[in-house]
Protein backbone atom coordinates (compact mmCIF):
# COMPACT_ATOMS: atom_id res chain seq x y z
CA MET A 1 -11.32 -4.30 3.43
CA LYS A 2 -13.50 -5.71 0.64
CA ASN A 3 -15.64 -2.54 0.47
CA ARG A 4 -12.49 -0.40 0.30
CA PHE A 5 -11.14 -2.65 -2.46
CA ILE A 6 -14.33 -2.38 -4.57
CA LEU A 7 -14.62 1.41 -4.17
CA SER A 8 -10.97 1.95 -5.03
CA LEU A 9 -11.28 -0.36 -8.00
CA SER A 10 -14.18 1.70 -9.39
CA LEU A 11 -12.04 4.86 -9.27
CA VAL A 12 -9.11 3.08 -10.90
CA SER A 13 -11.34 1.80 -13.71
CA VAL A 14 -12.45 5.34 -14.60
CA LEU A 15 -8.88 6.59 -14.63
CA PHE A 16 -7.68 3.63 -16.65
CA LEU A 17 -10.25 4.23 -19.39
CA SER A 18 -9.07 7.81 -19.72
CA ALA A 19 -5.55 6.56 -20.50
CA CYS A 20 -6.38 4.54 -23.61
CA GLY A 21 -5.62 7.22 -26.21
CA GLY A 22 -2.36 8.89 -27.26
CA LYS A 23 1.02 7.69 -28.43
CA LYS A 24 3.07 5.39 -26.25
CA GLU A 25 6.25 7.42 -26.67
CA ALA A 26 4.56 10.65 -25.60
CA GLU A 27 3.06 8.94 -22.54
CA GLU A 28 6.40 7.54 -21.42
CA GLU A 29 8.08 10.91 -21.79
CA LYS A 30 5.29 12.67 -19.94
CA GLU A 31 5.55 10.25 -17.01
CA LYS A 32 9.12 11.44 -16.45
CA GLU A 33 8.05 15.07 -16.07
CA ALA A 34 6.53 16.70 -12.99
CA PRO A 35 2.87 17.58 -13.68
CA ALA A 36 2.26 21.26 -14.36
CA ASN A 37 -1.35 21.15 -13.22
CA ALA A 38 -4.12 18.89 -11.97
CA VAL A 39 -5.01 17.73 -15.47
CA GLU A 40 -1.46 16.54 -16.14
CA ALA A 41 -1.32 14.89 -12.73
CA LEU A 42 -4.49 12.97 -13.51
CA GLN A 43 -3.10 11.92 -16.90
CA GLN A 44 0.11 10.66 -15.29
CA PHE A 45 -1.99 8.68 -12.84
CA ALA A 46 -3.93 7.16 -15.74
CA ASN A 47 -0.71 6.36 -17.64
CA LYS A 48 0.68 4.58 -14.60
CA ALA A 49 -2.58 2.67 -14.23
CA LYS A 50 -2.30 1.51 -17.84
CA THR A 51 1.29 0.36 -17.31
CA MET A 52 0.41 -1.60 -14.18
CA HIS A 53 -2.62 -3.13 -15.89
CA ASN A 54 -0.30 -4.65 -18.51
CA LYS A 55 1.90 -6.41 -15.94
CA GLU A 56 2.05 -10.18 -16.20
CA ALA A 57 -0.32 -12.00 -13.84
CA VAL A 58 1.16 -14.27 -11.17
CA ASP A 59 -0.37 -16.48 -8.50
CA PRO A 60 -0.39 -14.98 -4.99
CA VAL A 61 1.97 -16.68 -2.54
CA ASP A 62 0.63 -18.87 0.25
CA PHE A 63 -0.64 -16.55 2.99
CA ARG A 64 1.33 -18.64 5.50
CA LYS A 65 4.55 -17.24 4.02
CA LEU A 66 3.21 -13.75 4.65
CA LYS A 67 2.31 -14.63 8.25
CA GLU A 68 5.91 -15.70 8.88
CA LEU A 69 7.00 -12.10 8.30
CA LEU A 70 4.76 -10.72 11.05
CA PRO A 71 6.92 -10.23 14.19
CA GLU A 72 5.81 -11.63 17.56
CA LYS A 73 6.86 -8.41 19.25
CA ALA A 74 7.19 -4.92 17.79
CA GLU A 75 8.23 -1.70 19.54
CA GLY A 76 7.32 -3.07 22.96
CA LEU A 77 3.94 -4.34 21.76
CA ASN A 78 2.91 -7.98 22.01
CA ARG A 79 1.17 -9.74 19.15
CA THR A 80 -2.30 -10.76 20.30
CA GLU A 81 -3.65 -12.19 17.06
CA ALA A 82 -2.33 -13.35 13.69
CA THR A 83 -4.53 -14.54 10.83
CA GLY A 84 -4.29 -15.16 7.12
CA GLU A 85 -6.40 -16.08 4.14
CA LYS A 86 -6.60 -16.18 0.38
CA ASN A 87 -9.80 -14.83 -1.13
CA GLY A 88 -11.22 -13.42 -4.31
CA ALA A 89 -13.74 -10.79 -5.39
CA MET A 90 -14.76 -9.70 -8.88
CA GLY A 91 -12.25 -12.12 -10.38
CA PHE A 92 -9.29 -10.89 -8.29
CA THR A 93 -7.39 -13.21 -5.95
CA ILE A 94 -5.40 -11.84 -3.02
CA SER A 95 -3.38 -13.45 -0.23
CA GLN A 96 -3.52 -11.61 3.07
CA ALA A 97 -1.92 -11.91 6.49
CA GLU A 98 -2.57 -9.60 9.41
CA ALA A 99 -1.65 -9.22 13.05
CA ARG A 100 -2.83 -7.11 15.97
CA TYR A 101 -0.57 -5.81 18.72
CA SER A 102 -1.22 -4.20 22.09
CA GLY A 103 0.86 -2.58 24.79
CA ASP A 104 0.81 -0.21 27.75
CA GLY A 105 -1.36 2.89 27.78
CA ASP A 106 -3.88 1.60 25.25
CA ALA A 107 -1.18 1.49 22.59
CA SER A 108 -2.18 -0.74 19.70
CA ALA A 109 -1.18 -1.54 16.15
CA HIS A 110 -2.64 -3.42 13.21
CA VAL A 111 -0.34 -4.78 10.49
CA GLU A 112 -1.49 -6.14 7.13
CA ILE A 113 0.48 -7.71 4.29
CA PHE A 114 -1.22 -8.28 0.94
CA ASP A 115 -0.01 -10.11 -2.13
CA THR A 116 -2.11 -8.81 -5.01
CA GLY A 117 -0.80 -11.66 -7.20
CA GLY A 118 -3.28 -12.80 -9.89
CA VAL A 119 -4.01 -9.57 -11.70
CA ALA A 120 -1.29 -7.60 -9.98
CA GLY A 121 -1.73 -4.31 -11.79
CA ILE A 122 -5.36 -3.45 -11.11
CA SER A 123 -5.59 -5.05 -7.68
CA THR A 124 -2.43 -3.22 -6.57
CA MET A 125 -3.94 0.08 -7.73
CA ALA A 126 -7.08 -0.67 -5.73
CA LEU A 127 -5.11 -1.28 -2.52
CA ALA A 128 -2.38 1.33 -3.03
CA ALA A 129 -3.69 4.12 -5.23
CA TRP A 130 -1.34 6.49 -3.35
CA SER A 131 1.62 4.71 -5.03
CA MET A 132 0.80 6.52 -8.28
CA ALA A 133 0.61 9.99 -6.74
CA ASP A 134 2.88 12.54 -5.08
CA ILE A 135 1.28 13.75 -1.84
CA ASP A 136 2.57 16.39 0.58
CA LYS A 137 -0.10 17.87 2.86
CA GLU A 138 -0.19 19.43 6.32
CA THR A 139 -3.23 19.97 8.56
CA ALA A 140 -3.73 21.73 11.89
CA THR A 141 -2.89 18.54 13.76
CA GLY A 142 -0.85 16.39 11.40
CA TYR A 143 0.26 15.58 7.89
CA GLU A 144 0.23 13.07 5.06
CA LYS A 145 2.80 12.47 2.37
CA THR A 146 4.23 9.95 -0.04
CA THR A 147 7.76 8.89 0.76
CA LYS A 148 10.35 6.11 0.44
CA ARG A 149 10.86 3.23 2.86
CA GLU A 150 13.99 1.14 2.31
CA GLY A 151 13.89 2.14 -1.34
CA TYR A 152 10.20 1.30 -1.82
CA LYS A 153 7.39 3.76 -2.51
CA GLY A 154 5.49 4.54 0.67
CA TYR A 155 2.75 6.64 2.19
CA GLU A 156 2.71 8.21 5.65
CA LYS A 157 -0.14 9.83 7.57
CA TYR A 158 -0.10 10.97 11.19
CA ASP A 159 -2.26 12.97 13.61
CA ASN A 160 -0.24 14.50 16.43
CA GLN A 161 -3.33 15.33 18.48
CA ASN A 162 -4.74 11.79 18.51
CA LYS A 163 -1.32 10.09 18.35
CA SER A 164 -2.59 7.87 15.57
CA GLY A 165 -1.42 7.22 12.06
CA GLU A 166 -0.58 4.81 9.29
CA LEU A 167 2.37 3.79 7.17
CA ASN A 168 1.99 1.98 3.85
CA VAL A 169 4.55 0.62 1.44
CA LEU A 170 4.41 -1.03 -1.98
CA VAL A 171 7.00 -3.76 -2.58
CA ALA A 172 7.86 -5.21 -5.99
CA ASP A 173 4.67 -3.71 -7.48
CA ARG A 174 2.57 -6.51 -5.91
CA PHE A 175 2.98 -6.63 -2.12
CA VAL A 176 1.25 -3.97 -0.01
CA VAL A 177 2.18 -3.53 3.66
CA ASN A 178 -0.06 -1.44 5.93
CA VAL A 179 0.75 -0.42 9.53
CA ASN A 180 -1.92 1.41 11.53
CA GLY A 181 -1.45 2.49 15.13
CA ASN A 182 -3.11 4.30 18.02
CA ASN A 183 -1.43 5.97 20.99
CA LEU A 184 1.91 5.53 19.25
CA SER A 185 4.42 8.06 17.93
CA VAL A 186 5.27 8.13 14.26
CA ASP A 187 8.75 6.83 15.15
CA GLN A 188 7.16 3.85 16.87
CA LEU A 189 5.09 3.15 13.77
CA LYS A 190 8.24 3.31 11.65
CA SER A 191 9.93 0.88 14.03
CA ILE A 192 7.04 -1.58 13.66
CA LEU A 193 7.27 -1.36 9.88
CA GLY A 194 11.04 -1.79 10.16
CA ALA A 195 10.51 -5.13 11.93
CA ILE A 196 9.14 -6.55 8.67
CA ASP A 197 11.80 -7.78 6.25
CA LEU A 198 10.72 -6.00 3.07
CA ASP A 199 13.56 -7.43 0.98
CA LYS A 200 12.55 -10.95 1.96
CA LEU A 201 8.95 -10.09 1.12
CA SER A 202 10.07 -8.86 -2.29
CA GLY A 203 11.66 -12.23 -3.05
CA LEU A 204 8.66 -14.39 -2.14
CA LYS A 205 7.22 -16.57 -4.91
């Protein structure tokens, strides 16, 4: 996770620097419009990065509160492990809770909940860069797309051939929930995500 965080952060830093020029009014208006091309899409990404960077810093919640939201059972799977920690890297502090689940037929799932807290804007971008993009892609065996889950921005990726996929959601611009599964249908993955009370997560302090 730390390597993914650092690599994503490097990309975000480049995009953020590209957003420093221009008038604020023009940027806000442009964010409301659908991008006409890849250049505009990149600029909108950078504008969003700048906005999130300016968000007020808050302390991450105790990871034990995040662990309480991880269900003991989900879609017929039993929780086999639940852990949590608060750690920092490059000046960023994050609370994290995760659980692993297993069931019949080698079915398994891994659920993570992050509170990006401290410097919410940049650390959120590092963990959920998809939240600032519009994705809709199909492959020979599956798809990936950005979507909405209970009113929150989400990301969905699934491979029909391998019966594996992931669901991600960004809550209150600071909490990131990731659900990864193997030998599970996409509906089962959605059911696992649905077992997490996202509204309660949103209200944690």
